[in-house]
Structure formats: C-alpha cells, structure tokens
PDB file of N, CA and C in Angstrom:
ATOM      1  N   MET A   1       0.801  -1.158  -0.014  1.00  0.00           N
ATOM      2  CA  MET A   1      -0.050  -0.090   0.011  1.00  0.00           C
ATOM      3  C   MET A   1       0.836   1.237   0.019  1.00  0.00           C
ATOM      4  N   ALA A   2       0.365   2.279  -0.455  1.00  0.00           N
ATOM      5  CA  ALA A   2       1.114   3.572  -0.620  1.00  0.00           C
ATOM      6  C   ALA A   2       1.420   4.081   0.664  1.00  0.00           C
ATOM      7  N   LYS A   3       2.588   4.842   0.747  1.00  0.00           N
ATOM      8  CA  LYS A   3       3.065   5.456   2.022  1.00  0.00           C
ATOM      9  C   LYS A   3       2.153   6.508   2.564  1.00  0.00           C
ATOM     10  N   TYR A   4       1.584   7.366   1.518  1.00  0.00           N
ATOM     11  CA  TYR A   4       0.631   8.389   1.846  1.00  0.00           C
ATOM     12  C   TYR A   4      -0.685   8.003   1.402  1.00  0.00           C
ATOM     13  N   LYS A   5      -1.673   8.004   2.190  1.00  0.00           N
ATOM     14  CA  LYS A   5      -3.123   7.533   1.847  1.00  0.00           C
ATOM     15  C   LYS A   5      -4.038   8.716   1.938  1.00  0.00           C
ATOM     16  N   PRO A   6      -4.935   8.833   0.936  1.00  0.00           N
ATOM     17  CA  PRO A   6      -5.974   9.801   0.867  1.00  0.00           C
ATOM     18  C   PRO A   6      -6.889   9.668   2.110  1.00  0.00           C
ATOM     19  N   THR A   7      -7.331  10.892   2.629  1.00  0.00           N
ATOM     20  CA  THR A   7      -8.152  10.885   3.867  1.00  0.00           C
ATOM     21  C   THR A   7      -9.412  10.012   3.621  1.00  0.00           C
ATOM     22  N   ALA A   8     -10.049  10.059   2.534  1.00  0.00           N
ATOM     23  CA  ALA A   8     -11.191   9.338   2.216  1.00  0.00           C
ATOM     24  C   ALA A   8     -10.952   7.801   2.333  1.00  0.00           C
ATOM     25  N   LYS A   9      -9.918   7.435   1.869  1.00  0.00           N
ATOM     26  CA  LYS A   9      -9.483   5.892   1.819  1.00  0.00           C
ATOM     27  C   LYS A   9      -9.277   5.556   3.392  1.00  0.00           C
ATOM     28  N   LYS A  10      -8.565   6.402   4.039  1.00  0.00           N
ATOM     29  CA  LYS A  10      -8.319   6.169   5.487  1.00  0.00           C
ATOM     30  C   LYS A  10      -9.664   5.927   6.259  1.00  0.00           C
ATOM     31  N   LYS A  11     -10.588   6.804   5.968  1.00  0.00           N
ATOM     32  CA  LYS A  11     -11.945   6.745   6.685  1.00  0.00           C
ATOM     33  C   LYS A  11     -12.628   5.392   6.323  1.00  0.00           C
ATOM     34  N   ARG A  12     -12.578   5.015   5.004  1.00  0.00           N
ATOM     35  CA  ARG A  12     -13.099   3.746   4.665  1.00  0.00           C
ATOM     36  C   ARG A  12     -12.519   2.606   5.318  1.00  0.00           C
ATOM     37  N   LEU A  13     -11.130   2.574   5.393  1.00  0.00           N
ATOM     38  CA  LEU A  13     -10.548   1.485   6.098  1.00  0.00           C
ATOM     39  C   LEU A  13     -10.776   1.455   7.575  1.00  0.00           C
ATOM     40  N   ILE A  14     -11.002   2.623   8.222  1.00  0.00           N
ATOM     41  CA  ILE A  14     -11.246   2.693   9.638  1.00  0.00           C
ATOM     42  C   ILE A  14     -12.591   2.099   9.988  1.00  0.00           C
ATOM     43  N   LYS A  15     -13.527   2.494   9.006  1.00  0.00           N
ATOM     44  CA  LYS A  15     -14.972   1.966   9.170  1.00  0.00           C
ATOM     45  C   LYS A  15     -14.997   0.429   9.014  1.00  0.00           C
ATOM     46  N   ALA A  16     -14.271  -0.060   8.026  1.00  0.00           N
ATOM     47  CA  ALA A  16     -14.215  -1.568   7.792  1.00  0.00           C
ATOM     48  C   ALA A  16     -13.630  -2.312   8.994  1.00  0.00           C
ATOM     49  N   GLY A  17     -12.555  -1.650   9.540  1.00  0.00           N
ATOM     50  CA  GLY A  17     -11.913  -2.283  10.665  1.00  0.00           C
ATOM     51  C   GLY A  17     -12.851  -2.326  11.837  1.00  0.00           C
ATOM     52  N   SER A  18     -13.724  -1.360  12.030  1.00  0.00           N
ATOM     53  CA  SER A  18     -14.486  -1.409  13.306  1.00  0.00           C
ATOM     54  C   SER A  18     -15.656  -2.312  13.039  1.00  0.00           C
ATOM     55  N   GLN A  19     -16.061  -2.518  11.813  1.00  0.00           N
ATOM     56  CA  GLN A  19     -17.159  -3.415  11.581  1.00  0.00           C
ATOM     57  C   GLN A  19     -16.889  -4.908  11.868  1.00  0.00           C
ATOM     58  N   THR A  20     -15.642  -5.245  12.014  1.00  0.00           N
ATOM     59  CA  THR A  20     -15.173  -6.649  12.114  1.00  0.00           C
ATOM     60  C   THR A  20     -15.039  -7.053  13.576  1.00  0.00           C
ATOM     61  N   LYS A  21     -15.274  -6.110  14.485  1.00  0.00           N
ATOM     62  CA  LYS A  21     -15.079  -6.508  15.881  1.00  0.00           C
ATOM     63  C   LYS A  21     -16.236  -7.187  16.415  1.00  0.00           C
ATOM     64  N   TRP A  22     -16.038  -7.844  17.523  1.00  0.00           N
ATOM     65  CA  TRP A  22     -17.124  -8.621  18.154  1.00  0.00           C
ATOM     66  C   TRP A  22     -18.230  -7.652  18.628  1.00  0.00           C
ATOM     67  N   ALA A  23     -19.439  -8.263  18.817  1.00  0.00           N
ATOM     68  CA  ALA A  23     -20.506  -7.454  19.275  1.00  0.00           C
ATOM     69  C   ALA A  23     -20.251  -7.264  20.726  1.00  0.00           C
ATOM     70  N   PRO A  24     -20.897  -6.220  21.391  1.00  0.00           N
ATOM     71  CA  PRO A  24     -20.633  -5.984  22.812  1.00  0.00           C
ATOM     72  C   PRO A  24     -21.216  -7.136  23.704  1.00  0.00           C
ATOM     73  N   PHE A  25     -20.592  -7.421  24.757  1.00  0.00           N
ATOM     74  CA  PHE A  25     -20.850  -8.539  25.623  1.00  0.00           C
ATOM     75  C   PHE A  25     -22.317  -8.536  26.119  1.00  0.00           C
ATOM     76  N   TRP A  26     -22.812  -7.409  26.308  1.00  0.00           N
ATOM     77  CA  TRP A  26     -24.239  -7.322  26.883  1.00  0.00           C
ATOM     78  C   TRP A  26     -25.283  -7.604  25.834  1.00  0.00           C
ATOM     79  N   THR A  27     -24.860  -7.845  24.589  1.00  0.00           N
ATOM     80  CA  THR A  27     -25.953  -8.181  23.589  1.00  0.00           C
ATOM     81  C   THR A  27     -26.305  -9.709  23.767  1.00  0.00           C
ATOM     82  N   VAL A  28     -25.381 -10.487  24.286  1.00  0.00           N
ATOM     83  CA  VAL A  28     -25.610 -11.919  24.435  1.00  0.00           C
ATOM     84  C   VAL A  28     -26.813 -12.287  25.297  1.00  0.00           C
ATOM     85  N   PRO A  29     -26.844 -11.758  26.617  1.00  0.00           N
ATOM     86  CA  PRO A  29     -28.126 -12.080  27.322  1.00  0.00           C
ATOM     87  C   PRO A  29     -29.281 -11.357  26.828  1.00  0.00           C
ATOM     88  N   LYS A  30     -29.154 -10.206  26.151  1.00  0.00           N
ATOM     89  CA  LYS A  30     -30.213  -9.493  25.554  1.00  0.00           C
ATOM     90  C   LYS A  30     -30.927 -10.388  24.474  1.00  0.00           C
ATOM     91  N   LYS A  31     -30.031 -11.093  23.605  1.00  0.00           N
ATOM     92  CA  LYS A  31     -30.655 -11.757  22.570  1.00  0.00           C
ATOM     93  C   LYS A  31     -31.024 -13.238  22.912  1.00  0.00           C
ATOM     94  N   TYR A  32     -30.220 -13.948  23.704  1.00  0.00           N
ATOM     95  CA  TYR A  32     -30.539 -15.257  23.958  1.00  0.00           C
ATOM     96  C   TYR A  32     -31.068 -15.516  25.386  1.00  0.00           C
ATOM     97  N   GLY A  33     -30.970 -14.594  26.286  1.00  0.00           N
ATOM     98  CA  GLY A  33     -31.483 -14.831  27.679  1.00  0.00           C
ATOM     99  C   GLY A  33     -30.268 -14.999  28.568  1.00  0.00           C
ATOM    100  N   SER A  34     -30.447 -14.884  29.817  1.00  0.00           N
ATOM    101  CA  SER A  34     -29.371 -14.902  30.780  1.00  0.00           C
ATOM    102  C   SER A  34     -28.671 -16.236  30.898  1.00  0.00           C
ATOM    103  N   GLY A  35     -29.355 -17.298  30.647  1.00  0.00           N
ATOM    104  CA  GLY A  35     -28.764 -18.714  30.883  1.00  0.00           C
ATOM    105  C   GLY A  35     -27.861 -19.228  29.701  1.00  0.00           C
ATOM    106  N   ARG A  36     -28.068 -18.673  28.571  1.00  0.00           N
ATOM    107  CA  ARG A  36     -27.319 -19.156  27.399  1.00  0.00           C
ATOM    108  C   ARG A  36     -25.889 -18.497  27.289  1.00  0.00           C
ATOM    109  N   ARG A  37     -24.923 -19.293  27.162  1.00  0.00           N
ATOM    110  CA  ARG A  37     -23.451 -18.825  26.940  1.00  0.00           C
ATOM    111  C   ARG A  37     -23.162 -18.932  25.497  1.00  0.00           C
ATOM    112  N   VAL A  38     -23.063 -17.806  24.916  1.00  0.00           N
ATOM    113  CA  VAL A  38     -22.836 -17.724  23.400  1.00  0.00           C
ATOM    114  C   VAL A  38     -21.629 -16.744  23.257  1.00  0.00           C
ATOM    115  N   HIS A  39     -20.778 -16.956  22.306  1.00  0.00           N
ATOM    116  CA  HIS A  39     -19.646 -15.962  21.979  1.00  0.00           C
ATOM    117  C   HIS A  39     -20.175 -14.897  21.273  1.00  0.00           C
ATOM    118  N   PRO A  40     -19.813 -13.603  21.743  1.00  0.00           N
ATOM    119  CA  PRO A  40     -20.297 -12.319  21.226  1.00  0.00           C
ATOM    120  C   PRO A  40     -20.039 -12.153  19.722  1.00  0.00           C
ATOM    121  N   GLY A  41     -19.037 -12.872  19.205  1.00  0.00           N
ATOM    122  CA  GLY A  41     -18.548 -12.771  17.759  1.00  0.00           C
ATOM    123  C   GLY A  41     -19.560 -13.489  16.915  1.00  0.00           C
ATOM    124  N   ARG A  42     -20.568 -14.288  17.460  1.00  0.00           N
ATOM    125  CA  ARG A  42     -21.436 -15.074  16.741  1.00  0.00           C
ATOM    126  C   ARG A  42     -22.506 -14.128  16.095  1.00  0.00           C
ATOM    127  N   HIS A  43     -22.798 -12.995  16.747  1.00  0.00           N
ATOM    128  CA  HIS A  43     -23.804 -12.166  16.123  1.00  0.00           C
ATOM    129  C   HIS A  43     -23.180 -10.827  15.736  1.00  0.00           C
ATOM    130  N   THR A  44     -22.138 -10.884  15.083  1.00  0.00           N
ATOM    131  CA  THR A  44     -21.569  -9.735  14.335  1.00  0.00           C
ATOM    132  C   THR A  44     -21.884  -9.790  12.935  1.00  0.00           C
ATOM    133  N   ALA A  45     -22.297  -8.721  12.310  1.00  0.00           N
ATOM    134  CA  ALA A  45     -22.930  -8.809  10.991  1.00  0.00           C
ATOM    135  C   ALA A  45     -21.824  -9.142   9.958  1.00  0.00           C
ATOM    136  N   LYS A  46     -20.665  -8.423   9.984  1.00  0.00           N
ATOM    137  CA  LYS A  46     -19.672  -8.663   9.003  1.00  0.00           C
ATOM    138  C   LYS A  46     -18.315  -9.134   9.517  1.00  0.00           C
ATOM    139  N   LYS A  47     -18.087 -10.248   9.168  1.00  0.00           N
ATOM    140  CA  LYS A  47     -16.763 -10.973   9.724  1.00  0.00           C
ATOM    141  C   LYS A  47     -15.786 -10.973   8.581  1.00  0.00           C
ATOM    142  N   ARG A  48     -14.603 -10.368   8.795  1.00  0.00           N
ATOM    143  CA  ARG A  48     -13.627 -10.273   7.892  1.00  0.00           C
ATOM    144  C   ARG A  48     -12.206 -10.205   8.453  1.00  0.00           C
ATOM    145  N   SER A  49     -11.346 -10.838   7.881  1.00  0.00           N
ATOM    146  CA  SER A  49      -9.968 -10.723   8.367  1.00  0.00           C
ATOM    147  C   SER A  49      -9.082 -10.089   7.312  1.00  0.00           C
ATOM    148  N   TRP A  50      -8.100  -9.315   7.739  1.00  0.00           N
ATOM    149  CA  TRP A  50      -7.199  -8.643   6.847  1.00  0.00           C
ATOM    150  C   TRP A  50      -6.315  -9.587   6.031  1.00  0.00           C
ATOM    151  N   ARG A  51      -6.158 -10.893   6.558  1.00  0.00           N
ATOM    152  CA  ARG A  51      -5.453 -11.856   5.779  1.00  0.00           C
ATOM    153  C   ARG A  51      -6.308 -12.516   4.728  1.00  0.00           C
ATOM    154  N   ARG A  52      -7.641 -12.993   5.190  1.00  0.00           N
ATOM    155  CA  ARG A  52      -8.457 -13.668   4.299  1.00  0.00           C
ATOM    156  C   ARG A  52      -9.103 -12.953   3.264  1.00  0.00           C
ATOM    157  N   THR A  53      -9.888 -11.932   3.593  1.00  0.00           N
ATOM    158  CA  THR A  53     -10.730 -11.199   2.612  1.00  0.00           C
ATOM    159  C   THR A  53     -10.223  -9.854   2.444  1.00  0.00           C
ATOM    160  N   LYS A  54      -9.975  -9.421   1.244  1.00  0.00           N
ATOM    161  CA  LYS A  54      -9.424  -8.025   0.948  1.00  0.00           C
ATOM    162  C   LYS A  54     -10.629  -7.061   0.654  1.00  0.00           C
ATOM    163  N   LEU A  55     -10.520  -5.915   0.864  1.00  0.00           N
ATOM    164  CA  LEU A  55     -11.502  -4.885   0.597  1.00  0.00           C
ATOM    165  C   LEU A  55     -11.290  -4.124  -0.677  1.00  0.00           C
ATOM    166  N   LYS A  56     -12.436  -3.649  -1.267  1.00  0.00           N
ATOM    167  CA  LYS A  56     -12.232  -2.872  -2.493  1.00  0.00           C
ATOM    168  C   LYS A  56     -12.357  -1.452  -2.057  1.00  0.00           C
ATOM    169  N   ALA A  57     -11.488  -1.058  -1.285  1.00  0.00           N
ATOM    170  CA  ALA A  57     -11.541   0.291  -0.764  1.00  0.00           C
ATOM    171  C   ALA A  57     -10.591   1.249  -1.522  1.00  0.00           C
TER     172      ALA A  57
END
C-alpha cells in the first residue's frame, strides 16, 4: 500500500476495521437470555480478516 493515503480511503479502512469487531458482551443475554452462553462474535454482522478477505476500498 502507498506510503501516503488519501483521507477518504483512510476513513473507509477505519470503518471496515471497526465493523469486524465482536458485538458488545451485553448483547448476548439480551438476544439469547441470561442462561445461554454464546460467544459475542457469533452475532456480528460482517466477519472479515485482513489476511483472508481483501477490501475494495
């Protein structure tokens, strides 16, 4: 990647990076109930890794 990045591209990369994080821990009991133990990454909308899937940014 280029040494100097345009600001618009930086913003797109930042947004894509934040979309791949796990859902907050408090969403688990909200969605499944207090007794169910589920990983918060299970209900994250977009799962992407910088190694696996590249962006068209």
